[in-house]
């Protein structure tokens, strides 16, 4: 089960991870975007970390909704609307829950990804964060069918995510600022896909440490 305490620890850890990875993400975004993705992710999750003490005793849905609203209000560029919508949509299945099963975690992430797609209209191989999330959702579904624990399922999903991030390198961007570059976007790792992988890996680490 994914507990409320683990969700809070995950979001706090995301603030640390995105602070550590700010320059790396900004470098990726400088190659094919506005050069602000790392800065935006750091700023957004720093604000989330500030908000967490006020909602840490609430249900998981309320924690995720607060996270999404905070990202929407504090992050510029595409990151705020996309990640904000992700967390707000993800909150639905977690509403009034103090813990979530693997099936519910998968549904939570799936609903979040549907929110991203509804905003960005991404399709497979468009070189977006969805090129990480779709194979991750498939991996979690397989893990559930295989009877794996949440820890094992997330470990499998992270391995899939890391490979999916690399798969964005040869893609030509068809969405966002990077799409303006046309063929020049080929050969660069997508920053949004990278931050999504970091988000998932941080969740897996928090769950693994608590196991």
N, C-alpha and C. Protein backbone atom coordinates (compact mmCIF):
# COMPACT_ATOMS: atom_id res chain seq x y z
N UNK A 1 0.83 -1.20 0.00
CA UNK A 1 0.00 0.00 0.00
C UNK A 1 0.87 1.26 0.00
N UNK A 2 0.43 2.25 -0.72
CA UNK A 2 1.07 3.56 -0.68
C UNK A 2 0.35 4.38 0.38
N UNK A 3 1.05 4.75 1.43
CA UNK A 3 0.42 5.46 2.54
C UNK A 3 0.48 6.97 2.36
N UNK A 4 -0.36 7.64 3.14
CA UNK A 4 -0.36 9.10 3.13
C UNK A 4 1.02 9.64 3.50
N UNK A 5 1.64 9.02 4.49
CA UNK A 5 2.96 9.47 4.94
C UNK A 5 3.99 9.35 3.82
N UNK A 6 3.89 8.27 3.04
CA UNK A 6 4.82 8.09 1.93
C UNK A 6 4.59 9.13 0.84
N UNK A 7 3.33 9.49 0.61
CA UNK A 7 3.03 10.53 -0.38
C UNK A 7 3.64 11.86 0.03
N UNK A 8 3.50 12.20 1.30
CA UNK A 8 4.09 13.45 1.80
C UNK A 8 5.61 13.40 1.68
N UNK A 9 6.20 12.26 2.07
CA UNK A 9 7.65 12.12 1.96
C UNK A 9 8.10 12.20 0.51
N UNK A 10 7.32 11.64 -0.40
CA UNK A 10 7.62 11.69 -1.84
C UNK A 10 7.68 13.13 -2.33
N UNK A 11 6.67 13.90 -2.00
CA UNK A 11 6.61 15.28 -2.49
C UNK A 11 7.69 16.15 -1.88
N UNK A 12 8.02 15.91 -0.60
CA UNK A 12 9.14 16.62 0.02
C UNK A 12 10.45 16.27 -0.69
N UNK A 13 10.62 14.98 -0.97
CA UNK A 13 11.84 14.53 -1.64
C UNK A 13 11.93 15.09 -3.06
N UNK A 14 10.78 15.26 -3.71
CA UNK A 14 10.79 15.85 -5.06
C UNK A 14 11.38 17.26 -5.03
N UNK A 15 11.07 18.01 -3.98
CA UNK A 15 11.64 19.36 -3.87
C UNK A 15 13.16 19.29 -3.81
N UNK A 16 13.69 18.31 -3.09
CA UNK A 16 15.14 18.15 -2.99
C UNK A 16 15.73 17.69 -4.33
N UNK A 17 15.06 16.73 -4.96
CA UNK A 17 15.57 16.19 -6.23
C UNK A 17 15.59 17.26 -7.31
N UNK A 18 14.53 18.04 -7.41
CA UNK A 18 14.49 19.05 -8.47
C UNK A 18 15.42 20.22 -8.18
N UNK A 19 15.74 20.44 -6.93
CA UNK A 19 16.78 21.42 -6.61
C UNK A 19 18.15 20.90 -7.07
N UNK A 20 18.39 19.62 -6.80
CA UNK A 20 19.67 19.00 -7.20
C UNK A 20 19.80 18.92 -8.73
N UNK A 21 18.70 18.66 -9.41
CA UNK A 21 18.73 18.43 -10.85
C UNK A 21 18.36 19.68 -11.67
N UNK A 22 18.27 20.81 -11.01
CA UNK A 22 17.85 22.04 -11.70
C UNK A 22 18.71 22.34 -12.92
N UNK A 23 20.01 22.35 -12.73
CA UNK A 23 20.90 22.75 -13.82
C UNK A 23 20.89 21.71 -14.95
N UNK A 24 20.79 20.44 -14.59
CA UNK A 24 20.73 19.38 -15.60
C UNK A 24 19.48 19.53 -16.46
N UNK A 25 18.33 19.72 -15.82
CA UNK A 25 17.08 19.88 -16.56
C UNK A 25 17.07 21.16 -17.39
N UNK A 26 17.63 22.21 -16.81
CA UNK A 26 17.70 23.47 -17.55
C UNK A 26 18.60 23.32 -18.78
N UNK A 27 19.68 22.57 -18.63
CA UNK A 27 20.57 22.33 -19.77
C UNK A 27 19.85 21.58 -20.89
N UNK A 28 19.08 20.57 -20.53
CA UNK A 28 18.31 19.84 -21.54
C UNK A 28 17.33 20.77 -22.24
N UNK A 29 16.69 21.64 -21.45
CA UNK A 29 15.68 22.54 -22.01
C UNK A 29 16.32 23.67 -22.81
N UNK A 30 17.55 24.02 -22.49
CA UNK A 30 18.25 25.04 -23.26
C UNK A 30 18.51 24.55 -24.68
N UNK A 31 18.73 23.25 -24.82
CA UNK A 31 19.02 22.68 -26.14
C UNK A 31 17.82 22.76 -27.08
N UNK A 32 16.61 22.53 -26.55
CA UNK A 32 15.44 22.44 -27.45
C UNK A 32 14.22 23.22 -26.96
N UNK A 33 14.37 24.00 -25.90
CA UNK A 33 13.21 24.72 -25.38
C UNK A 33 13.55 26.12 -24.92
N UNK A 34 12.88 26.55 -23.86
CA UNK A 34 13.07 27.90 -23.34
C UNK A 34 14.20 28.01 -22.33
N UNK A 35 14.75 26.87 -21.92
CA UNK A 35 15.85 26.90 -20.97
C UNK A 35 15.43 27.19 -19.54
N UNK A 36 14.17 26.90 -19.22
CA UNK A 36 13.70 27.23 -17.87
C UNK A 36 13.07 26.04 -17.14
N UNK A 37 13.15 24.84 -17.71
CA UNK A 37 12.44 23.71 -17.10
C UNK A 37 12.98 23.37 -15.72
N UNK A 38 14.28 23.34 -15.57
CA UNK A 38 14.85 23.03 -14.26
C UNK A 38 14.50 24.08 -13.23
N UNK A 39 14.57 25.33 -13.62
CA UNK A 39 14.23 26.42 -12.70
C UNK A 39 12.77 26.34 -12.29
N UNK A 40 11.90 26.06 -13.28
CA UNK A 40 10.47 25.98 -12.99
C UNK A 40 10.14 24.81 -12.07
N UNK A 41 10.76 23.66 -12.30
CA UNK A 41 10.49 22.50 -11.46
C UNK A 41 10.99 22.72 -10.03
N UNK A 42 12.15 23.34 -9.92
CA UNK A 42 12.67 23.65 -8.58
C UNK A 42 11.73 24.61 -7.86
N UNK A 43 11.34 25.67 -8.52
CA UNK A 43 10.46 26.67 -7.91
C UNK A 43 9.12 26.04 -7.51
N UNK A 44 8.56 25.27 -8.42
CA UNK A 44 7.24 24.69 -8.15
C UNK A 44 7.24 23.75 -6.96
N UNK A 45 8.20 22.85 -6.90
CA UNK A 45 8.20 21.88 -5.81
C UNK A 45 8.72 22.47 -4.50
N UNK A 46 9.46 23.56 -4.58
CA UNK A 46 9.81 24.28 -3.35
C UNK A 46 8.54 24.87 -2.73
N UNK A 47 7.66 25.39 -3.58
CA UNK A 47 6.38 25.92 -3.11
C UNK A 47 5.51 24.79 -2.56
N UNK A 48 5.53 23.64 -3.22
CA UNK A 48 4.77 22.48 -2.74
C UNK A 48 5.25 22.09 -1.34
N UNK A 49 6.57 22.04 -1.17
CA UNK A 49 7.14 21.67 0.13
C UNK A 49 6.69 22.65 1.22
N UNK A 50 6.55 23.92 0.87
CA UNK A 50 6.08 24.91 1.83
C UNK A 50 4.64 24.67 2.25
N UNK A 51 3.83 24.16 1.31
CA UNK A 51 2.40 23.94 1.56
C UNK A 51 2.13 22.64 2.31
N UNK A 52 3.06 21.68 2.22
CA UNK A 52 2.79 20.34 2.75
C UNK A 52 2.44 20.29 4.24
N UNK A 53 3.12 21.05 5.11
CA UNK A 53 2.78 20.95 6.53
C UNK A 53 1.31 21.22 6.83
N UNK A 54 0.68 22.08 6.03
CA UNK A 54 -0.72 22.43 6.27
C UNK A 54 -1.69 21.35 5.85
N UNK A 55 -1.24 20.42 5.00
CA UNK A 55 -2.15 19.38 4.50
C UNK A 55 -1.65 17.96 4.80
N UNK A 56 -0.54 17.85 5.53
CA UNK A 56 0.07 16.54 5.76
C UNK A 56 -0.84 15.56 6.49
N UNK A 57 -1.82 16.09 7.23
CA UNK A 57 -2.73 15.20 7.97
C UNK A 57 -4.05 14.98 7.22
N UNK A 58 -4.14 15.49 6.01
CA UNK A 58 -5.35 15.32 5.19
C UNK A 58 -5.26 14.00 4.43
N UNK A 59 -6.32 13.68 3.66
CA UNK A 59 -6.27 12.46 2.86
C UNK A 59 -5.38 12.67 1.63
N UNK A 60 -5.03 11.57 0.98
CA UNK A 60 -4.09 11.64 -0.14
C UNK A 60 -4.64 12.51 -1.27
N UNK A 61 -5.95 12.42 -1.51
CA UNK A 61 -6.55 13.23 -2.57
C UNK A 61 -6.35 14.72 -2.32
N UNK A 62 -6.55 15.15 -1.09
CA UNK A 62 -6.39 16.56 -0.75
C UNK A 62 -4.93 16.99 -0.90
N UNK A 63 -4.01 16.12 -0.51
CA UNK A 63 -2.58 16.43 -0.63
C UNK A 63 -2.20 16.60 -2.10
N UNK A 64 -2.69 15.70 -2.95
CA UNK A 64 -2.36 15.77 -4.38
C UNK A 64 -3.03 16.98 -5.04
N UNK A 65 -4.26 17.27 -4.64
CA UNK A 65 -4.94 18.43 -5.22
C UNK A 65 -4.22 19.72 -4.85
N UNK A 66 -3.80 19.83 -3.59
CA UNK A 66 -3.05 21.00 -3.15
C UNK A 66 -1.74 21.13 -3.93
N UNK A 67 -1.09 19.99 -4.16
CA UNK A 67 0.14 20.00 -4.95
C UNK A 67 -0.12 20.53 -6.36
N UNK A 68 -1.17 20.03 -6.98
CA UNK A 68 -1.50 20.48 -8.33
C UNK A 68 -1.83 21.95 -8.41
N UNK A 69 -2.64 22.42 -7.47
CA UNK A 69 -3.01 23.84 -7.47
C UNK A 69 -1.79 24.72 -7.23
N UNK A 70 -0.89 24.25 -6.38
CA UNK A 70 0.34 25.02 -6.11
C UNK A 70 1.21 25.10 -7.35
N UNK A 71 1.35 24.00 -8.06
CA UNK A 71 2.15 24.01 -9.28
C UNK A 71 1.51 24.90 -10.35
N UNK A 72 0.20 24.86 -10.45
CA UNK A 72 -0.49 25.71 -11.42
C UNK A 72 -0.24 27.18 -11.16
N UNK A 73 -0.20 27.55 -9.89
CA UNK A 73 -0.10 28.97 -9.53
C UNK A 73 1.34 29.48 -9.44
N UNK A 74 2.31 28.56 -9.38
CA UNK A 74 3.68 29.03 -9.12
C UNK A 74 4.69 28.70 -10.21
N UNK A 75 4.30 27.88 -11.21
CA UNK A 75 5.26 27.45 -12.23
C UNK A 75 4.87 28.04 -13.58
N UNK A 76 5.88 28.64 -14.24
CA UNK A 76 5.65 29.21 -15.55
C UNK A 76 5.83 28.19 -16.66
N UNK A 77 5.72 28.66 -17.89
CA UNK A 77 5.92 27.79 -19.05
C UNK A 77 4.86 26.71 -19.13
N UNK A 78 5.21 25.60 -19.79
CA UNK A 78 4.27 24.50 -19.93
C UNK A 78 4.22 23.62 -18.69
N UNK A 79 5.28 23.66 -17.89
CA UNK A 79 5.39 22.73 -16.76
C UNK A 79 4.26 22.91 -15.75
N UNK A 80 3.92 24.14 -15.42
CA UNK A 80 2.89 24.41 -14.43
C UNK A 80 1.54 23.83 -14.81
N UNK A 81 1.01 24.18 -15.99
CA UNK A 81 -0.28 23.62 -16.40
C UNK A 81 -0.27 22.11 -16.54
N UNK A 82 0.81 21.55 -17.09
CA UNK A 82 0.84 20.11 -17.32
C UNK A 82 0.97 19.32 -16.02
N UNK A 83 1.96 19.66 -15.20
CA UNK A 83 2.12 18.94 -13.94
C UNK A 83 1.01 19.29 -12.95
N UNK A 84 0.53 20.53 -12.99
CA UNK A 84 -0.58 20.91 -12.12
C UNK A 84 -1.81 20.08 -12.43
N UNK A 85 -2.13 19.95 -13.71
CA UNK A 85 -3.27 19.15 -14.13
C UNK A 85 -3.06 17.68 -13.78
N UNK A 86 -1.82 17.20 -13.94
CA UNK A 86 -1.49 15.82 -13.60
C UNK A 86 -1.88 15.51 -12.16
N UNK A 87 -1.47 16.35 -11.23
CA UNK A 87 -1.74 16.08 -9.81
C UNK A 87 -3.20 16.30 -9.45
N UNK A 88 -3.83 17.28 -10.06
CA UNK A 88 -5.25 17.53 -9.77
C UNK A 88 -6.10 16.36 -10.25
N UNK A 89 -5.83 15.85 -11.44
CA UNK A 89 -6.57 14.69 -11.95
C UNK A 89 -6.24 13.44 -11.13
N UNK A 90 -4.97 13.29 -10.75
CA UNK A 90 -4.56 12.13 -9.96
C UNK A 90 -5.25 12.10 -8.60
N UNK A 91 -5.64 13.27 -8.11
CA UNK A 91 -6.26 13.36 -6.78
C UNK A 91 -7.62 12.66 -6.72
N UNK A 92 -8.28 12.54 -7.86
CA UNK A 92 -9.64 12.01 -7.87
C UNK A 92 -9.76 10.63 -7.26
N UNK A 93 -8.95 9.69 -7.73
CA UNK A 93 -9.04 8.31 -7.24
C UNK A 93 -8.56 8.21 -5.78
N UNK A 94 -7.77 9.17 -5.34
CA UNK A 94 -7.23 9.15 -3.98
C UNK A 94 -8.09 9.92 -2.98
N UNK A 95 -9.18 10.47 -3.44
CA UNK A 95 -10.04 11.26 -2.57
C UNK A 95 -10.53 10.43 -1.38
N UNK A 96 -10.35 10.96 -0.18
CA UNK A 96 -10.77 10.32 1.08
C UNK A 96 -9.97 9.06 1.41
N UNK A 97 -8.86 8.81 0.72
CA UNK A 97 -8.03 7.63 0.97
C UNK A 97 -6.82 7.99 1.85
N UNK A 98 -6.53 7.13 2.80
CA UNK A 98 -5.32 7.26 3.60
C UNK A 98 -4.20 6.36 3.06
N UNK A 99 -4.55 5.44 2.18
CA UNK A 99 -3.56 4.57 1.54
C UNK A 99 -4.14 4.09 0.21
N UNK A 100 -3.26 3.63 -0.68
CA UNK A 100 -3.67 3.20 -2.01
C UNK A 100 -3.02 1.86 -2.36
N UNK A 101 -3.78 0.99 -3.00
CA UNK A 101 -3.24 -0.27 -3.50
C UNK A 101 -2.47 -0.01 -4.79
N UNK A 102 -1.78 -1.03 -5.28
CA UNK A 102 -1.07 -0.91 -6.56
C UNK A 102 -2.05 -0.54 -7.67
N UNK A 103 -3.22 -1.18 -7.69
CA UNK A 103 -4.21 -0.87 -8.72
C UNK A 103 -4.64 0.59 -8.64
N UNK A 104 -4.80 1.08 -7.42
CA UNK A 104 -5.21 2.47 -7.25
C UNK A 104 -4.09 3.43 -7.60
N UNK A 105 -2.86 3.06 -7.31
CA UNK A 105 -1.72 3.90 -7.71
C UNK A 105 -1.64 3.99 -9.22
N UNK A 106 -1.83 2.85 -9.88
CA UNK A 106 -1.81 2.87 -11.33
C UNK A 106 -2.93 3.76 -11.88
N UNK A 107 -4.12 3.64 -11.31
CA UNK A 107 -5.25 4.46 -11.76
C UNK A 107 -4.99 5.93 -11.48
N UNK A 108 -4.39 6.23 -10.34
CA UNK A 108 -4.04 7.59 -9.98
C UNK A 108 -3.12 8.21 -11.04
N UNK A 109 -2.08 7.47 -11.40
CA UNK A 109 -1.15 7.96 -12.41
C UNK A 109 -1.81 8.04 -13.78
N UNK A 110 -2.64 7.05 -14.09
CA UNK A 110 -3.33 7.04 -15.38
C UNK A 110 -4.25 8.25 -15.53
N UNK A 111 -4.99 8.57 -14.48
CA UNK A 111 -5.86 9.74 -14.52
C UNK A 111 -5.03 11.02 -14.68
N UNK A 112 -3.87 11.06 -14.01
CA UNK A 112 -3.00 12.21 -14.15
C UNK A 112 -2.49 12.38 -15.57
N UNK A 113 -2.11 11.27 -16.18
CA UNK A 113 -1.61 11.32 -17.55
C UNK A 113 -2.72 11.73 -18.52
N UNK A 114 -3.93 11.26 -18.28
CA UNK A 114 -5.05 11.69 -19.11
C UNK A 114 -5.23 13.20 -19.04
N UNK A 115 -4.96 13.76 -17.86
CA UNK A 115 -5.02 15.20 -17.72
C UNK A 115 -3.97 15.91 -18.55
N UNK A 116 -2.77 15.35 -18.56
CA UNK A 116 -1.69 15.91 -19.39
C UNK A 116 -2.08 15.86 -20.86
N UNK A 117 -2.60 14.73 -21.29
CA UNK A 117 -2.98 14.56 -22.70
C UNK A 117 -4.09 15.54 -23.08
N UNK A 118 -5.04 15.74 -22.18
CA UNK A 118 -6.16 16.64 -22.47
C UNK A 118 -5.67 18.07 -22.66
N UNK A 119 -4.60 18.42 -21.98
CA UNK A 119 -4.04 19.77 -22.12
C UNK A 119 -3.11 19.90 -23.31
N UNK A 120 -2.22 18.91 -23.47
CA UNK A 120 -1.19 19.03 -24.49
C UNK A 120 -1.47 18.32 -25.79
N UNK A 121 -2.51 17.46 -25.81
CA UNK A 121 -2.88 16.70 -27.02
C UNK A 121 -1.72 15.87 -27.55
N UNK A 122 -0.91 15.34 -26.64
CA UNK A 122 0.25 14.55 -27.06
C UNK A 122 -0.18 13.20 -27.62
N UNK A 123 0.61 12.72 -28.56
CA UNK A 123 0.43 11.39 -29.13
C UNK A 123 1.77 10.66 -29.01
N UNK A 124 1.76 9.33 -29.11
CA UNK A 124 3.01 8.57 -29.00
C UNK A 124 4.07 9.08 -29.97
N UNK A 125 5.29 9.16 -29.48
CA UNK A 125 6.47 9.59 -30.24
C UNK A 125 6.46 11.06 -30.61
N UNK A 126 5.67 11.86 -29.89
CA UNK A 126 5.71 13.31 -30.09
C UNK A 126 6.88 13.95 -29.36
N UNK A 127 7.65 13.15 -28.60
CA UNK A 127 8.79 13.63 -27.80
C UNK A 127 8.29 14.51 -26.66
N UNK A 128 7.45 13.91 -25.82
CA UNK A 128 6.91 14.60 -24.65
C UNK A 128 7.04 13.71 -23.42
N UNK A 129 6.64 14.23 -22.28
CA UNK A 129 6.65 13.44 -21.05
C UNK A 129 5.74 12.22 -21.15
N UNK A 130 4.74 12.28 -22.01
CA UNK A 130 3.83 11.14 -22.16
C UNK A 130 4.54 9.93 -22.75
N UNK A 131 5.62 10.15 -23.47
CA UNK A 131 6.39 9.02 -24.00
C UNK A 131 7.09 8.24 -22.90
N UNK A 132 7.13 8.80 -21.70
CA UNK A 132 7.57 8.06 -20.51
C UNK A 132 6.37 7.45 -19.79
N UNK A 133 5.32 8.26 -19.60
CA UNK A 133 4.20 7.81 -18.78
C UNK A 133 3.43 6.64 -19.39
N UNK A 134 3.26 6.62 -20.69
CA UNK A 134 2.49 5.52 -21.29
C UNK A 134 3.15 4.16 -21.07
N UNK A 135 4.43 3.99 -21.35
CA UNK A 135 5.05 2.69 -21.06
C UNK A 135 5.11 2.39 -19.56
N UNK A 136 5.20 3.42 -18.72
CA UNK A 136 5.17 3.21 -17.27
C UNK A 136 3.83 2.62 -16.85
N UNK A 137 2.75 3.17 -17.37
CA UNK A 137 1.42 2.65 -17.04
C UNK A 137 1.26 1.20 -17.50
N UNK A 138 1.79 0.91 -18.68
CA UNK A 138 1.74 -0.47 -19.18
C UNK A 138 2.53 -1.40 -18.26
N UNK A 139 3.69 -0.94 -17.80
CA UNK A 139 4.53 -1.75 -16.91
C UNK A 139 3.84 -2.00 -15.58
N UNK A 140 3.16 -0.99 -15.07
CA UNK A 140 2.44 -1.16 -13.80
C UNK A 140 1.28 -2.13 -13.95
N UNK A 141 0.62 -2.08 -15.11
CA UNK A 141 -0.46 -3.02 -15.37
C UNK A 141 0.05 -4.45 -15.42
N UNK A 142 1.19 -4.64 -16.07
CA UNK A 142 1.80 -5.98 -16.13
C UNK A 142 2.22 -6.44 -14.74
N UNK A 143 2.78 -5.54 -13.95
CA UNK A 143 3.21 -5.89 -12.60
C UNK A 143 2.04 -6.31 -11.74
N UNK A 144 0.92 -5.62 -11.91
CA UNK A 144 -0.29 -5.98 -11.16
C UNK A 144 -0.75 -7.38 -11.54
N UNK A 145 -0.77 -7.67 -12.85
CA UNK A 145 -1.19 -9.00 -13.31
C UNK A 145 -0.22 -10.09 -12.85
N UNK A 146 1.05 -9.72 -12.70
CA UNK A 146 2.06 -10.69 -12.24
C UNK A 146 2.05 -10.87 -10.73
N UNK A 147 1.23 -10.09 -10.03
CA UNK A 147 1.13 -10.23 -8.59
C UNK A 147 2.28 -9.63 -7.82
N UNK A 148 2.95 -8.64 -8.40
CA UNK A 148 4.09 -8.02 -7.72
C UNK A 148 3.61 -7.08 -6.61
N UNK A 149 4.49 -6.83 -5.68
CA UNK A 149 4.21 -5.84 -4.64
C UNK A 149 4.33 -4.44 -5.23
N UNK A 150 3.86 -3.45 -4.49
CA UNK A 150 3.98 -2.07 -4.94
C UNK A 150 5.44 -1.69 -5.15
N UNK A 151 6.30 -2.09 -4.23
CA UNK A 151 7.73 -1.80 -4.34
C UNK A 151 8.31 -2.40 -5.61
N UNK A 152 8.02 -3.67 -5.86
CA UNK A 152 8.53 -4.35 -7.05
C UNK A 152 7.97 -3.73 -8.32
N UNK A 153 6.69 -3.37 -8.28
CA UNK A 153 6.05 -2.78 -9.46
C UNK A 153 6.68 -1.44 -9.81
N UNK A 154 6.95 -0.63 -8.80
CA UNK A 154 7.55 0.68 -9.06
C UNK A 154 8.99 0.54 -9.53
N UNK A 155 9.70 -0.43 -9.00
CA UNK A 155 11.07 -0.68 -9.48
C UNK A 155 11.05 -1.04 -10.97
N UNK A 156 10.11 -1.89 -11.35
CA UNK A 156 9.99 -2.27 -12.76
C UNK A 156 9.63 -1.04 -13.60
N UNK A 157 8.71 -0.23 -13.09
CA UNK A 157 8.27 0.95 -13.83
C UNK A 157 9.39 1.95 -14.02
N UNK A 158 10.24 2.11 -13.01
CA UNK A 158 11.36 3.05 -13.13
C UNK A 158 12.34 2.57 -14.20
N UNK A 159 12.60 1.27 -14.25
CA UNK A 159 13.50 0.74 -15.28
C UNK A 159 12.93 1.02 -16.67
N UNK A 160 11.63 0.87 -16.81
CA UNK A 160 10.97 1.17 -18.09
C UNK A 160 11.05 2.66 -18.39
N UNK A 161 10.85 3.49 -17.36
CA UNK A 161 10.89 4.94 -17.55
C UNK A 161 12.27 5.41 -17.99
N UNK A 162 13.30 4.84 -17.40
CA UNK A 162 14.67 5.25 -17.75
C UNK A 162 14.97 4.92 -19.21
N UNK A 163 14.48 3.78 -19.67
CA UNK A 163 14.67 3.42 -21.07
C UNK A 163 13.82 4.32 -21.98
N UNK A 164 12.62 4.64 -21.52
CA UNK A 164 11.73 5.49 -22.31
C UNK A 164 12.30 6.89 -22.48
N UNK A 165 12.95 7.41 -21.43
CA UNK A 165 13.59 8.72 -21.54
C UNK A 165 14.64 8.70 -22.65
N UNK A 166 15.45 7.66 -22.68
CA UNK A 166 16.48 7.56 -23.72
C UNK A 166 15.85 7.46 -25.11
N UNK A 167 14.67 6.85 -25.16
CA UNK A 167 14.01 6.68 -26.46
C UNK A 167 13.53 8.00 -27.05
N UNK A 168 13.47 9.06 -26.21
CA UNK A 168 13.05 10.36 -26.76
C UNK A 168 14.18 11.03 -27.54
N UNK A 169 15.40 10.59 -27.34
CA UNK A 169 16.55 11.25 -27.98
C UNK A 169 16.44 11.24 -29.51
N UNK A 170 16.15 10.10 -30.16
CA UNK A 170 16.07 10.10 -31.62
C UNK A 170 14.76 10.62 -32.18
N UNK A 171 13.81 10.98 -31.32
CA UNK A 171 12.51 11.46 -31.80
C UNK A 171 12.60 12.90 -32.29
N UNK A 172 11.74 13.24 -33.23
CA UNK A 172 11.57 14.63 -33.63
C UNK A 172 10.37 15.19 -32.89
N UNK A 173 10.56 16.33 -32.23
CA UNK A 173 9.49 16.91 -31.42
C UNK A 173 8.35 17.40 -32.30
N UNK A 174 7.13 17.05 -31.86
CA UNK A 174 5.93 17.50 -32.58
C UNK A 174 4.99 18.30 -31.70
N UNK A 175 5.44 18.59 -30.48
CA UNK A 175 4.63 19.40 -29.57
C UNK A 175 5.54 20.38 -28.83
N UNK A 176 4.98 21.50 -28.43
CA UNK A 176 5.71 22.45 -27.60
C UNK A 176 6.77 23.24 -28.35
N UNK A 177 7.56 23.96 -27.57
CA UNK A 177 8.61 24.81 -28.13
C UNK A 177 9.60 24.03 -28.98
N UNK A 178 9.90 22.81 -28.56
CA UNK A 178 10.88 21.99 -29.28
C UNK A 178 10.44 21.69 -30.70
N UNK A 179 9.11 21.67 -30.93
CA UNK A 179 8.61 21.35 -32.28
C UNK A 179 9.00 22.40 -33.30
N UNK A 180 9.29 23.62 -32.83
CA UNK A 180 9.70 24.70 -33.74
C UNK A 180 11.04 24.39 -34.41
N UNK A 181 11.83 23.53 -33.76
CA UNK A 181 13.15 23.21 -34.29
C UNK A 181 13.11 22.18 -35.40
N UNK A 182 11.99 21.50 -35.55
CA UNK A 182 11.89 20.48 -36.59
C UNK A 182 12.92 19.38 -36.39
N UNK A 183 13.67 19.07 -37.43
CA UNK A 183 14.65 17.99 -37.36
C UNK A 183 15.80 18.28 -36.40
N UNK A 184 16.00 19.54 -36.08
CA UNK A 184 17.08 19.89 -35.15
C UNK A 184 16.78 19.44 -33.72
N UNK A 185 15.52 19.07 -33.46
CA UNK A 185 15.18 18.54 -32.13
C UNK A 185 15.63 17.09 -31.97
N UNK A 186 15.95 16.45 -33.07
CA UNK A 186 16.44 15.06 -33.02
C UNK A 186 17.83 15.04 -32.38
N UNK A 187 18.05 14.05 -31.52
CA UNK A 187 19.36 13.93 -30.88
C UNK A 187 19.43 14.54 -29.49
N UNK A 188 18.29 15.04 -29.01
CA UNK A 188 18.26 15.67 -27.68
C UNK A 188 17.23 14.97 -26.80
N UNK A 189 17.58 14.77 -25.55
CA UNK A 189 16.68 14.13 -24.58
C UNK A 189 15.61 15.12 -24.14
N UNK A 190 14.38 14.67 -24.12
CA UNK A 190 13.28 15.56 -23.76
C UNK A 190 13.31 15.91 -22.27
N UNK A 191 13.30 17.20 -21.92
CA UNK A 191 13.37 17.58 -20.51
C UNK A 191 12.14 17.19 -19.71
N UNK A 192 10.95 17.29 -20.30
CA UNK A 192 9.73 16.89 -19.59
C UNK A 192 9.70 15.41 -19.30
N UNK A 193 10.13 14.61 -20.27
CA UNK A 193 10.22 13.17 -20.05
C UNK A 193 11.20 12.87 -18.93
N UNK A 194 12.28 13.64 -18.88
CA UNK A 194 13.30 13.44 -17.85
C UNK A 194 12.77 13.78 -16.47
N UNK A 195 12.06 14.89 -16.34
CA UNK A 195 11.52 15.26 -15.03
C UNK A 195 10.44 14.27 -14.60
N UNK A 196 9.68 13.72 -15.54
CA UNK A 196 8.69 12.71 -15.20
C UNK A 196 9.35 11.45 -14.66
N UNK A 197 10.45 11.06 -15.27
CA UNK A 197 11.21 9.91 -14.79
C UNK A 197 11.74 10.16 -13.39
N UNK A 198 12.22 11.35 -13.14
CA UNK A 198 12.72 11.70 -11.80
C UNK A 198 11.60 11.65 -10.77
N UNK A 199 10.43 12.12 -11.17
CA UNK A 199 9.27 12.11 -10.28
C UNK A 199 8.92 10.68 -9.88
N UNK A 200 8.88 9.79 -10.87
CA UNK A 200 8.56 8.38 -10.60
C UNK A 200 9.64 7.70 -9.79
N UNK A 201 10.90 7.95 -10.13
CA UNK A 201 12.01 7.33 -9.40
C UNK A 201 12.03 7.76 -7.94
N UNK A 202 11.65 9.00 -7.68
CA UNK A 202 11.59 9.50 -6.31
C UNK A 202 10.48 8.80 -5.54
N UNK A 203 9.35 8.58 -6.19
CA UNK A 203 8.27 7.83 -5.55
C UNK A 203 8.71 6.41 -5.23
N UNK A 204 9.34 5.75 -6.18
CA UNK A 204 9.80 4.37 -5.97
C UNK A 204 10.80 4.30 -4.82
N UNK A 205 11.67 5.28 -4.73
CA UNK A 205 12.67 5.28 -3.66
C UNK A 205 12.01 5.43 -2.29
N UNK A 206 11.03 6.32 -2.19
CA UNK A 206 10.33 6.52 -0.92
C UNK A 206 9.60 5.26 -0.48
N UNK A 207 8.94 4.61 -1.43
CA UNK A 207 8.22 3.37 -1.12
C UNK A 207 9.20 2.26 -0.75
N UNK A 208 10.30 2.18 -1.47
CA UNK A 208 11.30 1.15 -1.20
C UNK A 208 11.94 1.32 0.16
N UNK A 209 12.21 2.54 0.55
CA UNK A 209 12.83 2.80 1.85
C UNK A 209 11.89 2.47 3.01
N UNK A 210 10.59 2.58 2.76
CA UNK A 210 9.62 2.30 3.81
C UNK A 210 9.23 0.83 3.88
N UNK A 211 9.65 0.06 2.87
CA UNK A 211 9.24 -1.35 2.81
C UNK A 211 9.94 -2.17 3.89
